[in-house]
Structures are given as C-alpha cells and as structure tokens.
Amino acid sequence: MASARLLIDGFERVQEAVTEVLDGLTPEQLSWRGPDGHTNSIGWLVWHLSRVQDVQVSDVAELPEVWRAQDWQRRFALPYRAEATGYGASSAQVGKFSATAEQLAGYYEATHLQTVDYLGRLHERDYARVVDAMWEPPVTLGVRLISTLSDDLQHVGQAALVRGCLARS
C-alpha cells in the first residue's frame, strides 16, 4: 500500500497545482496564448492534463472515462472529436479552446476522484501487471501511472509558467 500512498500524494500535488493555476482566472485569461500568441493556453493545458489522466487511468482501471460518463464532453462543447485528448493538437486547434475555470476545476476534480479511488484499491502486486505489450519492454501498471503523473506535473507547471507570463504582460 506504500506505492498507492505515494501515487495518491503525487496526484494530490497535481490537484493542488491545478487549483492554484485556475484561481480567479476569466475565460479570456484562460485562453491567453502568451506574448507570441502561439503558446498553449492555461485552460488548454489543464484540459489536456485532465484528459490524459482520465484516459490513462480509466483504461488501466477498466472504468469509463469521466469525460463521457459524467457528461463533461457535452458541458465543455469543444470543437474537437469526442475522443480528443489534445495529444498532437495543432496551434489552430489549441486556439479554438474555450472554457471557464469552474468547468476545468470540476472536470479535473472528477477525474482526480476516480484516480484516487482506483489507486486506493491497488495492492503492491498490481503494479507489475503488463498494461501495454506493444512496447519493449512492455509497460507495467506502475510505469503507466508514473508516466501519467509525470505528464500531469509537467503540464500543470507549463500552465503556471503561462500564468506568470500573463501576470507580467
């Protein structure tokens, strides 16, 4: 259970950072794309990290994606395919993103709750389970979860950097 506690702590750090980066921002501020107009926006980055966590965890947990199951896809009404996560998105696609801080916080929170619930049910032996044999070496559950956590931490850090640039602009 030590591994689960560590992973939960890591994902709770993402949750805290998401809350901080969204605090008090308007939809316009969430859509700001940096001084050059081509940076990934705060809102898009938070949506993307939420989608990545949702897709990766729901897959290994064999649960429905929060995005669809809890109707977040309809609530956001983004001009993207239903299965979009932001991976490989063009600058033009990023530029079409629009959401409120409340939407983003709500979707991340719902995804976080599903993640923490799943992690709380794992046993040490579960982390060695192969979840993707297409790689060499095959990807285990433990590696997938750490990869997801790492990706989320990087993206919320990017969002914090964009917020800092916005504050100075």
N, C-alpha and C. Protein backbone atom coordinates (compact mmCIF):
# COMPACT_ATOMS: atom_id res chain seq x y z
N MET A 1 0.82 -1.20 0.00
CA MET A 1 0.00 0.00 0.00
C MET A 1 0.86 1.26 0.00
N ALA A 2 2.16 1.12 0.27
CA ALA A 2 3.04 2.28 0.26
C ALA A 2 3.07 2.92 -1.11
N SER A 3 3.08 2.11 -2.16
CA SER A 3 3.09 2.65 -3.52
C SER A 3 1.83 3.45 -3.79
N ALA A 4 0.70 2.95 -3.38
CA ALA A 4 -0.56 3.67 -3.58
C ALA A 4 -0.54 5.00 -2.85
N ARG A 5 -0.05 5.01 -1.63
CA ARG A 5 0.02 6.27 -0.86
C ARG A 5 0.92 7.29 -1.55
N LEU A 6 2.04 6.84 -2.09
CA LEU A 6 2.94 7.75 -2.79
C LEU A 6 2.29 8.30 -4.06
N LEU A 7 1.64 7.44 -4.82
CA LEU A 7 0.97 7.89 -6.04
C LEU A 7 -0.17 8.84 -5.72
N ILE A 8 -0.94 8.53 -4.70
CA ILE A 8 -2.03 9.43 -4.31
C ILE A 8 -1.46 10.78 -3.92
N ASP A 9 -0.37 10.79 -3.16
CA ASP A 9 0.27 12.06 -2.80
C ASP A 9 0.68 12.82 -4.05
N GLY A 10 1.26 12.14 -5.01
CA GLY A 10 1.66 12.79 -6.25
C GLY A 10 0.50 13.40 -7.00
N PHE A 11 -0.59 12.64 -7.15
CA PHE A 11 -1.76 13.17 -7.85
C PHE A 11 -2.44 14.28 -7.05
N GLU A 12 -2.35 14.23 -5.72
CA GLU A 12 -2.90 15.33 -4.92
C GLU A 12 -2.08 16.61 -5.12
N ARG A 13 -0.80 16.47 -5.40
CA ARG A 13 0.03 17.64 -5.70
C ARG A 13 -0.40 18.26 -7.03
N VAL A 14 -0.75 17.41 -7.99
CA VAL A 14 -1.28 17.93 -9.26
C VAL A 14 -2.58 18.68 -8.99
N GLN A 15 -3.46 18.08 -8.19
CA GLN A 15 -4.74 18.71 -7.86
C GLN A 15 -4.52 20.08 -7.22
N GLU A 16 -3.62 20.18 -6.27
CA GLU A 16 -3.33 21.47 -5.62
C GLU A 16 -2.82 22.49 -6.64
N ALA A 17 -1.94 22.07 -7.52
CA ALA A 17 -1.38 22.98 -8.52
C ALA A 17 -2.44 23.41 -9.52
N VAL A 18 -3.32 22.51 -9.91
CA VAL A 18 -4.42 22.86 -10.83
C VAL A 18 -5.30 23.91 -10.17
N THR A 19 -5.65 23.71 -8.91
CA THR A 19 -6.48 24.67 -8.19
C THR A 19 -5.81 26.04 -8.16
N GLU A 20 -4.53 26.07 -7.86
CA GLU A 20 -3.80 27.34 -7.79
C GLU A 20 -3.73 28.03 -9.15
N VAL A 21 -3.45 27.28 -10.19
CA VAL A 21 -3.26 27.90 -11.50
C VAL A 21 -4.57 28.44 -12.08
N LEU A 22 -5.70 27.85 -11.70
CA LEU A 22 -7.00 28.30 -12.20
C LEU A 22 -7.60 29.44 -11.38
N ASP A 23 -7.14 29.62 -10.17
CA ASP A 23 -7.77 30.53 -9.22
C ASP A 23 -7.96 31.94 -9.78
N GLY A 24 -9.23 32.34 -9.86
CA GLY A 24 -9.59 33.70 -10.22
C GLY A 24 -9.46 34.09 -11.67
N LEU A 25 -9.16 33.14 -12.55
CA LEU A 25 -8.98 33.48 -13.96
C LEU A 25 -10.29 33.51 -14.74
N THR A 26 -10.40 34.45 -15.63
CA THR A 26 -11.55 34.56 -16.53
C THR A 26 -11.34 33.66 -17.74
N PRO A 27 -12.40 33.38 -18.50
CA PRO A 27 -12.21 32.59 -19.72
C PRO A 27 -11.19 33.23 -20.68
N GLU A 28 -11.18 34.54 -20.74
CA GLU A 28 -10.22 35.23 -21.62
C GLU A 28 -8.78 34.99 -21.15
N GLN A 29 -8.57 35.05 -19.84
CA GLN A 29 -7.23 34.80 -19.31
C GLN A 29 -6.84 33.33 -19.50
N LEU A 30 -7.79 32.44 -19.34
CA LEU A 30 -7.53 31.02 -19.54
C LEU A 30 -7.18 30.71 -20.99
N SER A 31 -7.62 31.56 -21.91
CA SER A 31 -7.37 31.36 -23.35
C SER A 31 -6.14 32.10 -23.85
N TRP A 32 -5.51 32.93 -23.01
CA TRP A 32 -4.35 33.72 -23.42
C TRP A 32 -3.23 32.79 -23.85
N ARG A 33 -2.62 33.08 -25.00
CA ARG A 33 -1.64 32.17 -25.60
C ARG A 33 -0.23 32.74 -25.61
N GLY A 34 0.08 33.52 -24.62
CA GLY A 34 1.45 34.01 -24.48
C GLY A 34 1.72 35.22 -25.33
N PRO A 35 2.89 35.81 -25.13
CA PRO A 35 3.22 37.04 -25.85
C PRO A 35 3.31 36.86 -27.36
N ASP A 36 3.60 35.64 -27.81
CA ASP A 36 3.68 35.41 -29.25
C ASP A 36 2.36 34.93 -29.85
N GLY A 37 1.36 34.69 -28.99
CA GLY A 37 0.05 34.24 -29.47
C GLY A 37 -0.02 32.79 -29.91
N HIS A 38 1.03 32.01 -29.64
CA HIS A 38 1.05 30.61 -30.09
C HIS A 38 1.33 29.61 -28.97
N THR A 39 1.47 30.09 -27.75
CA THR A 39 1.71 29.22 -26.60
C THR A 39 0.44 28.44 -26.28
N ASN A 40 0.59 27.23 -25.76
CA ASN A 40 -0.58 26.53 -25.25
C ASN A 40 -1.14 27.34 -24.09
N SER A 41 -2.44 27.56 -24.10
CA SER A 41 -3.07 28.38 -23.06
C SER A 41 -3.20 27.61 -21.74
N ILE A 42 -3.41 28.35 -20.68
CA ILE A 42 -3.60 27.75 -19.35
C ILE A 42 -4.78 26.78 -19.39
N GLY A 43 -5.89 27.24 -19.93
CA GLY A 43 -7.08 26.40 -19.99
C GLY A 43 -6.86 25.13 -20.77
N TRP A 44 -6.24 25.27 -21.94
CA TRP A 44 -6.00 24.08 -22.78
C TRP A 44 -5.07 23.11 -22.06
N LEU A 45 -4.02 23.62 -21.41
CA LEU A 45 -3.09 22.75 -20.69
C LEU A 45 -3.77 21.99 -19.57
N VAL A 46 -4.64 22.66 -18.81
CA VAL A 46 -5.34 21.98 -17.72
C VAL A 46 -6.33 20.97 -18.28
N TRP A 47 -7.02 21.32 -19.36
CA TRP A 47 -7.93 20.36 -20.01
C TRP A 47 -7.14 19.15 -20.49
N HIS A 48 -6.02 19.39 -21.16
CA HIS A 48 -5.21 18.31 -21.72
C HIS A 48 -4.69 17.39 -20.62
N LEU A 49 -4.15 17.94 -19.54
CA LEU A 49 -3.63 17.08 -18.48
C LEU A 49 -4.77 16.29 -17.82
N SER A 50 -5.94 16.88 -17.75
CA SER A 50 -7.10 16.18 -17.19
C SER A 50 -7.52 15.04 -18.11
N ARG A 51 -7.54 15.31 -19.42
CA ARG A 51 -7.92 14.27 -20.39
C ARG A 51 -6.91 13.13 -20.37
N VAL A 52 -5.62 13.46 -20.33
CA VAL A 52 -4.59 12.42 -20.31
C VAL A 52 -4.76 11.54 -19.08
N GLN A 53 -4.93 12.15 -17.92
CA GLN A 53 -5.12 11.37 -16.69
C GLN A 53 -6.39 10.53 -16.79
N ASP A 54 -7.46 11.12 -17.26
CA ASP A 54 -8.74 10.42 -17.39
C ASP A 54 -8.59 9.21 -18.30
N VAL A 55 -8.03 9.40 -19.48
CA VAL A 55 -7.90 8.32 -20.46
C VAL A 55 -6.98 7.22 -19.95
N GLN A 56 -5.83 7.61 -19.42
CA GLN A 56 -4.86 6.61 -18.98
C GLN A 56 -5.36 5.80 -17.79
N VAL A 57 -5.90 6.48 -16.79
CA VAL A 57 -6.36 5.77 -15.59
C VAL A 57 -7.61 4.95 -15.88
N SER A 58 -8.55 5.51 -16.61
CA SER A 58 -9.76 4.74 -16.91
C SER A 58 -9.42 3.49 -17.71
N ASP A 59 -8.44 3.58 -18.59
CA ASP A 59 -8.03 2.42 -19.38
C ASP A 59 -7.48 1.31 -18.50
N VAL A 60 -6.51 1.63 -17.65
CA VAL A 60 -5.90 0.58 -16.83
C VAL A 60 -6.85 0.09 -15.73
N ALA A 61 -7.77 0.94 -15.30
CA ALA A 61 -8.72 0.56 -14.25
C ALA A 61 -9.96 -0.13 -14.84
N GLU A 62 -10.05 -0.14 -16.16
CA GLU A 62 -11.20 -0.70 -16.85
C GLU A 62 -12.49 -0.04 -16.39
N LEU A 63 -12.44 1.30 -16.37
CA LEU A 63 -13.57 2.13 -16.00
C LEU A 63 -13.91 3.05 -17.16
N PRO A 64 -15.14 3.55 -17.22
CA PRO A 64 -15.47 4.52 -18.26
C PRO A 64 -14.74 5.84 -18.01
N GLU A 65 -14.42 6.53 -19.09
CA GLU A 65 -13.80 7.84 -18.96
C GLU A 65 -14.78 8.80 -18.28
N VAL A 66 -14.28 9.58 -17.35
CA VAL A 66 -15.08 10.61 -16.68
C VAL A 66 -15.63 11.58 -17.73
N TRP A 67 -14.83 11.92 -18.72
CA TRP A 67 -15.18 12.86 -19.78
C TRP A 67 -16.54 12.54 -20.39
N ARG A 68 -16.76 11.28 -20.66
CA ARG A 68 -18.03 10.86 -21.29
C ARG A 68 -19.06 10.44 -20.25
N ALA A 69 -18.65 9.64 -19.28
CA ALA A 69 -19.59 9.06 -18.32
C ALA A 69 -20.28 10.11 -17.46
N GLN A 70 -19.58 11.20 -17.17
CA GLN A 70 -20.16 12.25 -16.33
C GLN A 70 -20.55 13.48 -17.14
N ASP A 71 -20.61 13.31 -18.45
CA ASP A 71 -21.16 14.34 -19.35
C ASP A 71 -20.30 15.60 -19.49
N TRP A 72 -19.02 15.51 -19.16
CA TRP A 72 -18.15 16.68 -19.31
C TRP A 72 -17.97 17.05 -20.77
N GLN A 73 -17.97 16.07 -21.63
CA GLN A 73 -17.82 16.36 -23.07
C GLN A 73 -18.91 17.31 -23.54
N ARG A 74 -20.14 17.05 -23.15
CA ARG A 74 -21.26 17.92 -23.55
C ARG A 74 -21.15 19.28 -22.87
N ARG A 75 -20.79 19.28 -21.59
CA ARG A 75 -20.70 20.54 -20.85
C ARG A 75 -19.63 21.48 -21.42
N PHE A 76 -18.52 20.93 -21.88
CA PHE A 76 -17.48 21.76 -22.48
C PHE A 76 -17.85 22.18 -23.89
N ALA A 77 -18.49 21.30 -24.64
CA ALA A 77 -18.90 21.57 -26.03
C ALA A 77 -17.74 22.10 -26.87
N LEU A 78 -16.61 21.41 -26.79
CA LEU A 78 -15.43 21.81 -27.55
C LEU A 78 -15.55 21.37 -29.01
N PRO A 79 -14.89 22.08 -29.91
CA PRO A 79 -14.96 21.74 -31.32
C PRO A 79 -13.97 20.63 -31.71
N TYR A 80 -13.84 19.62 -30.86
CA TYR A 80 -12.91 18.51 -31.08
C TYR A 80 -13.70 17.20 -31.14
N ARG A 81 -13.04 16.16 -31.68
CA ARG A 81 -13.64 14.83 -31.67
C ARG A 81 -13.86 14.39 -30.22
N ALA A 82 -14.82 13.54 -30.00
CA ALA A 82 -15.17 13.09 -28.64
C ALA A 82 -13.99 12.46 -27.92
N GLU A 83 -13.15 11.76 -28.64
CA GLU A 83 -12.02 11.06 -28.02
C GLU A 83 -10.76 11.92 -27.92
N ALA A 84 -10.82 13.16 -28.35
CA ALA A 84 -9.64 14.04 -28.33
C ALA A 84 -9.11 14.22 -26.91
N THR A 85 -7.78 14.23 -26.82
CA THR A 85 -7.10 14.48 -25.55
C THR A 85 -6.18 15.69 -25.65
N GLY A 86 -5.99 16.19 -26.84
CA GLY A 86 -5.06 17.29 -27.06
C GLY A 86 -3.71 16.82 -27.59
N TYR A 87 -3.45 15.53 -27.50
CA TYR A 87 -2.19 15.00 -27.99
C TYR A 87 -2.09 15.25 -29.50
N GLY A 88 -1.01 15.90 -29.92
CA GLY A 88 -0.80 16.17 -31.33
C GLY A 88 -1.63 17.32 -31.87
N ALA A 89 -2.26 18.10 -31.02
CA ALA A 89 -3.12 19.20 -31.47
C ALA A 89 -2.28 20.28 -32.15
N SER A 90 -2.83 20.84 -33.19
CA SER A 90 -2.17 21.94 -33.89
C SER A 90 -2.40 23.24 -33.12
N SER A 91 -1.65 24.25 -33.47
CA SER A 91 -1.82 25.57 -32.86
C SER A 91 -3.24 26.08 -33.12
N ALA A 92 -3.75 25.84 -34.30
CA ALA A 92 -5.12 26.28 -34.62
C ALA A 92 -6.14 25.58 -33.75
N GLN A 93 -5.95 24.29 -33.50
CA GLN A 93 -6.87 23.56 -32.63
C GLN A 93 -6.80 24.07 -31.20
N VAL A 94 -5.61 24.34 -30.71
CA VAL A 94 -5.45 24.90 -29.37
C VAL A 94 -6.15 26.24 -29.29
N GLY A 95 -6.06 27.03 -30.35
CA GLY A 95 -6.68 28.34 -30.38
C GLY A 95 -8.19 28.31 -30.32
N LYS A 96 -8.81 27.19 -30.62
CA LYS A 96 -10.27 27.07 -30.57
C LYS A 96 -10.78 26.67 -29.19
N PHE A 97 -9.86 26.45 -28.25
CA PHE A 97 -10.25 26.02 -26.91
C PHE A 97 -10.83 27.19 -26.13
N SER A 98 -11.94 26.93 -25.44
CA SER A 98 -12.53 27.92 -24.54
C SER A 98 -13.28 27.19 -23.43
N ALA A 99 -13.04 27.62 -22.20
CA ALA A 99 -13.72 27.03 -21.05
C ALA A 99 -13.60 27.98 -19.87
N THR A 100 -14.41 27.73 -18.87
CA THR A 100 -14.32 28.51 -17.63
C THR A 100 -13.44 27.76 -16.62
N ALA A 101 -12.97 28.51 -15.64
CA ALA A 101 -12.20 27.89 -14.56
C ALA A 101 -13.04 26.87 -13.81
N GLU A 102 -14.33 27.15 -13.67
CA GLU A 102 -15.23 26.22 -12.97
C GLU A 102 -15.35 24.91 -13.73
N GLN A 103 -15.48 24.98 -15.06
CA GLN A 103 -15.54 23.75 -15.86
C GLN A 103 -14.26 22.94 -15.69
N LEU A 104 -13.13 23.62 -15.86
CA LEU A 104 -11.84 22.94 -15.79
C LEU A 104 -11.60 22.33 -14.40
N ALA A 105 -11.90 23.09 -13.36
CA ALA A 105 -11.72 22.59 -11.99
C ALA A 105 -12.66 21.41 -11.73
N GLY A 106 -13.89 21.50 -12.20
CA GLY A 106 -14.85 20.42 -12.00
C GLY A 106 -14.45 19.14 -12.69
N TYR A 107 -14.02 19.26 -13.95
CA TYR A 107 -13.59 18.07 -14.69
C TYR A 107 -12.34 17.47 -14.06
N TYR A 108 -11.36 18.32 -13.71
CA TYR A 108 -10.16 17.76 -13.09
C TYR A 108 -10.52 17.08 -11.77
N GLU A 109 -11.35 17.70 -10.96
CA GLU A 109 -11.72 17.13 -9.67
C GLU A 109 -12.40 15.77 -9.83
N ALA A 110 -13.30 15.66 -10.79
CA ALA A 110 -13.98 14.38 -11.04
C ALA A 110 -12.98 13.31 -11.49
N THR A 111 -12.05 13.69 -12.33
CA THR A 111 -11.01 12.77 -12.79
C THR A 111 -10.11 12.38 -11.63
N HIS A 112 -9.74 13.36 -10.82
CA HIS A 112 -8.89 13.10 -9.65
C HIS A 112 -9.56 12.12 -8.69
N LEU A 113 -10.84 12.31 -8.43
CA LEU A 113 -11.55 11.41 -7.51
C LEU A 113 -11.55 9.98 -8.04
N GLN A 114 -11.77 9.80 -9.35
CA GLN A 114 -11.73 8.45 -9.92
C GLN A 114 -10.33 7.87 -9.80
N THR A 115 -9.32 8.69 -10.04
CA THR A 115 -7.93 8.23 -9.94
C THR A 115 -7.60 7.79 -8.52
N VAL A 116 -7.91 8.61 -7.55
CA VAL A 116 -7.59 8.31 -6.15
C VAL A 116 -8.36 7.07 -5.67
N ASP A 117 -9.61 6.95 -6.08
CA ASP A 117 -10.40 5.78 -5.71
C ASP A 117 -9.74 4.51 -6.26
N TYR A 118 -9.33 4.56 -7.52
CA TYR A 118 -8.67 3.40 -8.13
C TYR A 118 -7.36 3.08 -7.42
N LEU A 119 -6.53 4.09 -7.21
CA LEU A 119 -5.24 3.86 -6.56
C LEU A 119 -5.42 3.27 -5.17
N GLY A 120 -6.45 3.68 -4.47
CA GLY A 120 -6.71 3.18 -3.13
C GLY A 120 -7.07 1.71 -3.08
N ARG A 121 -7.45 1.14 -4.22
CA ARG A 121 -7.83 -0.27 -4.29
C ARG A 121 -6.69 -1.18 -4.76
N LEU A 122 -5.55 -0.59 -5.11
CA LEU A 122 -4.44 -1.38 -5.63
C LEU A 122 -3.64 -2.04 -4.52
N HIS A 123 -3.02 -3.17 -4.88
CA HIS A 123 -2.10 -3.88 -4.00
C HIS A 123 -0.73 -3.85 -4.66
N GLU A 124 0.30 -4.04 -3.89
CA GLU A 124 1.67 -3.96 -4.42
C GLU A 124 1.85 -4.86 -5.64
N ARG A 125 1.27 -6.03 -5.65
CA ARG A 125 1.44 -6.97 -6.77
C ARG A 125 0.83 -6.43 -8.06
N ASP A 126 -0.13 -5.51 -7.96
CA ASP A 126 -0.81 -4.98 -9.15
C ASP A 126 0.11 -4.16 -10.05
N TYR A 127 1.11 -3.53 -9.48
CA TYR A 127 1.96 -2.61 -10.25
C TYR A 127 2.79 -3.31 -11.31
N ALA A 128 3.02 -4.61 -11.17
CA ALA A 128 3.81 -5.36 -12.14
C ALA A 128 2.97 -5.85 -13.33
N ARG A 129 1.66 -5.69 -13.27
CA ARG A 129 0.78 -6.14 -14.36
C ARG A 129 1.11 -5.38 -15.64
N VAL A 130 1.29 -6.12 -16.73
CA VAL A 130 1.56 -5.50 -18.03
C VAL A 130 0.25 -4.93 -18.57
N VAL A 131 0.29 -3.64 -18.89
CA VAL A 131 -0.91 -2.96 -19.42
C VAL A 131 -0.76 -2.60 -20.89
N ASP A 132 0.46 -2.71 -21.43
CA ASP A 132 0.69 -2.43 -22.85
C ASP A 132 1.91 -3.22 -23.31
N ALA A 133 1.63 -4.30 -24.05
CA ALA A 133 2.70 -5.18 -24.52
C ALA A 133 3.30 -4.70 -25.84
N MET A 134 2.83 -3.58 -26.37
CA MET A 134 3.31 -3.07 -27.65
C MET A 134 4.69 -2.42 -27.55
N TRP A 135 5.19 -2.21 -26.35
CA TRP A 135 6.47 -1.56 -26.14
C TRP A 135 7.52 -2.58 -25.72
N GLU A 136 8.78 -2.24 -25.87
CA GLU A 136 9.87 -3.07 -25.39
C GLU A 136 10.72 -2.25 -24.45
N PRO A 137 10.74 -2.51 -23.17
CA PRO A 137 10.00 -3.59 -22.52
C PRO A 137 8.51 -3.23 -22.41
N PRO A 138 7.68 -4.24 -22.19
CA PRO A 138 6.25 -3.98 -22.01
C PRO A 138 6.00 -3.01 -20.85
N VAL A 139 4.96 -2.22 -20.98
CA VAL A 139 4.62 -1.21 -19.98
C VAL A 139 3.79 -1.86 -18.87
N THR A 140 4.25 -1.68 -17.64
CA THR A 140 3.50 -2.19 -16.49
C THR A 140 2.57 -1.11 -15.97
N LEU A 141 1.66 -1.50 -15.11
CA LEU A 141 0.75 -0.55 -14.48
C LEU A 141 1.53 0.51 -13.73
N GLY A 142 2.54 0.11 -12.99
CA GLY A 142 3.32 1.08 -12.22
C GLY A 142 3.98 2.12 -13.13
N VAL A 143 4.54 1.67 -14.23
CA VAL A 143 5.17 2.59 -15.17
C VAL A 143 4.13 3.51 -15.80
N ARG A 144 2.98 2.99 -16.16
CA ARG A 144 1.93 3.82 -16.77
C ARG A 144 1.47 4.90 -15.80
N LEU A 145 1.28 4.54 -14.55
CA LEU A 145 0.83 5.52 -13.56
C LEU A 145 1.87 6.60 -13.32
N ILE A 146 3.14 6.22 -13.23
CA ILE A 146 4.21 7.21 -13.05
C ILE A 146 4.31 8.10 -14.28
N SER A 147 4.17 7.52 -15.45
CA SER A 147 4.21 8.30 -16.69
C SER A 147 3.08 9.33 -16.73
N THR A 148 1.91 8.93 -16.32
CA THR A 148 0.75 9.83 -16.29
C THR A 148 0.98 10.95 -15.28
N LEU A 149 1.46 10.60 -14.10
CA LEU A 149 1.75 11.60 -13.08
C LEU A 149 2.81 12.58 -13.58
N SER A 150 3.86 12.08 -14.19
CA SER A 150 4.91 12.94 -14.72
C SER A 150 4.37 13.89 -15.78
N ASP A 151 3.56 13.38 -16.68
CA ASP A 151 2.96 14.21 -17.73
C ASP A 151 2.10 15.32 -17.12
N ASP A 152 1.28 14.95 -16.14
CA ASP A 152 0.42 15.93 -15.48
C ASP A 152 1.23 17.02 -14.79
N LEU A 153 2.29 16.61 -14.09
CA LEU A 153 3.12 17.59 -13.39
C LEU A 153 3.80 18.55 -14.36
N GLN A 154 4.26 18.02 -15.49
CA GLN A 154 4.87 18.89 -16.49
C GLN A 154 3.87 19.90 -17.04
N HIS A 155 2.67 19.44 -17.35
CA HIS A 155 1.67 20.34 -17.95
C HIS A 155 1.15 21.37 -16.97
N VAL A 156 0.96 21.00 -15.71
CA VAL A 156 0.50 22.00 -14.75
C VAL A 156 1.62 23.00 -14.48
N GLY A 157 2.87 22.57 -14.56
CA GLY A 157 3.98 23.51 -14.46
C GLY A 157 4.01 24.47 -15.63
N GLN A 158 3.72 23.97 -16.83
CA GLN A 158 3.64 24.84 -18.00
C GLN A 158 2.52 25.85 -17.84
N ALA A 159 1.38 25.39 -17.33
CA ALA A 159 0.25 26.30 -17.11
C ALA A 159 0.62 27.38 -16.10
N ALA A 160 1.36 27.02 -15.06
CA ALA A 160 1.79 28.01 -14.06
C ALA A 160 2.75 29.02 -14.69
N LEU A 161 3.60 28.56 -15.59
CA LEU A 161 4.51 29.47 -16.28
C LEU A 161 3.73 30.45 -17.15
N VAL A 162 2.75 29.95 -17.89
CA VAL A 162 1.93 30.83 -18.73
C VAL A 162 1.19 31.83 -17.85
N ARG A 163 0.69 31.36 -16.71
CA ARG A 163 0.00 32.30 -15.80
C ARG A 163 0.96 33.39 -15.32
N GLY A 164 2.18 33.03 -15.02
CA GLY A 164 3.17 34.02 -14.61
C GLY A 164 3.45 35.03 -15.72
N CYS A 165 3.54 34.55 -16.94
CA CYS A 165 3.74 35.46 -18.09
C CYS A 165 2.54 36.37 -18.27
N LEU A 166 1.34 35.82 -18.09
CA LEU A 166 0.12 36.61 -18.20
C LEU A 166 0.13 37.73 -17.16
N ALA A 167 0.53 37.43 -15.95
CA ALA A 167 0.55 38.42 -14.87
C ALA A 167 1.54 39.54 -15.17
N ARG A 168 2.58 39.25 -15.94
CA ARG A 168 3.60 40.24 -16.25
C ARG A 168 3.34 40.98 -17.56
N SER A 169 2.33 40.54 -18.29
CA SER A 169 2.08 41.17 -19.61
C SER A 169 1.29 42.46 -19.47
